[in-house]
């Protein structure tokens, strides 16, 4: 959640005026949110 919140704030800054002008000159680009597939969310089964 924290990572996605930071990415959201970053993307807003990169697209906002006048920050987008500086971002474009500096090479900053929008970032993708972290997402996992439903299969990866399942709790792994551990056997001892």
C-alpha atoms as a PDB file:
ATOM      1  CA  UNK A   1       0.000   0.000   0.000  1.00  0.00           C
ATOM      2  CA  UNK A   2       2.761   2.418   0.929  1.00  0.00           C
ATOM      3  CA  UNK A   3       4.598   1.888  -2.367  1.00  0.00           C
ATOM      4  CA  UNK A   4       1.440   2.461  -4.413  1.00  0.00           C
ATOM      5  CA  UNK A   5       0.652   5.613  -2.415  1.00  0.00           C
ATOM      6  CA  UNK A   6       4.129   6.965  -3.121  1.00  0.00           C
ATOM      7  CA  UNK A   7       3.812   6.083  -6.817  1.00  0.00           C
ATOM      8  CA  UNK A   8       0.420   7.822  -6.954  1.00  0.00           C
ATOM      9  CA  UNK A   9       1.867  10.999  -5.397  1.00  0.00           C
ATOM     10  CA  UNK A  10       4.915  10.847  -7.679  1.00  0.00           C
ATOM     11  CA  UNK A  11       2.768  10.454 -10.804  1.00  0.00           C
ATOM     12  CA  UNK A  12       0.606  13.404  -9.772  1.00  0.00           C
ATOM     13  CA  UNK A  13       3.710  15.569  -9.332  1.00  0.00           C
ATOM     14  CA  UNK A  14       5.161  14.476 -12.680  1.00  0.00           C
ATOM     15  CA  UNK A  15       1.915  15.467 -14.426  1.00  0.00           C
ATOM     16  CA  UNK A  16       1.250  18.723 -12.530  1.00  0.00           C
ATOM     17  CA  UNK A  17       2.144  22.178 -13.787  1.00  0.00           C
ATOM     18  CA  UNK A  18       4.888  23.520 -13.383  1.00  0.00           C
ATOM     19  CA  UNK A  19       6.540  20.359 -12.026  1.00  0.00           C
ATOM     20  CA  UNK A  20       5.827  18.515 -15.280  1.00  0.00           C
ATOM     21  CA  UNK A  21       8.107  20.908 -17.171  1.00  0.00           C
ATOM     22  CA  UNK A  22      11.013  20.211 -14.829  1.00  0.00           C
ATOM     23  CA  UNK A  23      10.177  16.495 -14.799  1.00  0.00           C
ATOM     24  CA  UNK A  24      10.212  16.313 -18.596  1.00  0.00           C
ATOM     25  CA  UNK A  25      13.564  18.118 -18.799  1.00  0.00           C
ATOM     26  CA  UNK A  26      15.035  15.876 -16.086  1.00  0.00           C
ATOM     27  CA  UNK A  27      13.728  12.665 -17.658  1.00  0.00           C
ATOM     28  CA  UNK A  28      11.235  11.738 -14.938  1.00  0.00           C
ATOM     29  CA  UNK A  29       8.403   9.510 -16.171  1.00  0.00           C
ATOM     30  CA  UNK A  30       5.240   8.019 -14.718  1.00  0.00           C
ATOM     31  CA  UNK A  31       5.709   4.783 -12.770  1.00  0.00           C
ATOM     32  CA  UNK A  32       3.534   1.682 -12.670  1.00  0.00           C
ATOM     33  CA  UNK A  33       1.689   0.537  -9.559  1.00  0.00           C
ATOM     34  CA  UNK A  34       2.659  -2.712  -7.850  1.00  0.00           C
ATOM     35  CA  UNK A  35       0.117  -5.432  -8.575  1.00  0.00           C
ATOM     36  CA  UNK A  36       0.146  -9.181  -8.056  1.00  0.00           C
ATOM     37  CA  UNK A  37      -1.988 -11.902  -9.544  1.00  0.00           C
ATOM     38  CA  UNK A  38      -4.691 -13.607  -7.507  1.00  0.00           C
ATOM     39  CA  UNK A  39      -2.705 -16.871  -7.529  1.00  0.00           C
ATOM     40  CA  UNK A  40       0.244 -15.105  -5.892  1.00  0.00           C
ATOM     41  CA  UNK A  41      -1.995 -13.808  -3.089  1.00  0.00           C
ATOM     42  CA  UNK A  42      -2.830 -17.301  -1.883  1.00  0.00           C
ATOM     43  CA  UNK A  43      -1.182 -18.451   1.327  1.00  0.00           C
ATOM     44  CA  UNK A  44       1.466 -21.075   0.592  1.00  0.00           C
ATOM     45  CA  UNK A  45       1.031 -24.517   2.098  1.00  0.00           C
ATOM     46  CA  UNK A  46       3.937 -25.481   4.349  1.00  0.00           C
ATOM     47  CA  UNK A  47       4.568 -29.087   5.361  1.00  0.00           C
ATOM     48  CA  UNK A  48       7.123 -30.199   7.916  1.00  0.00           C
END
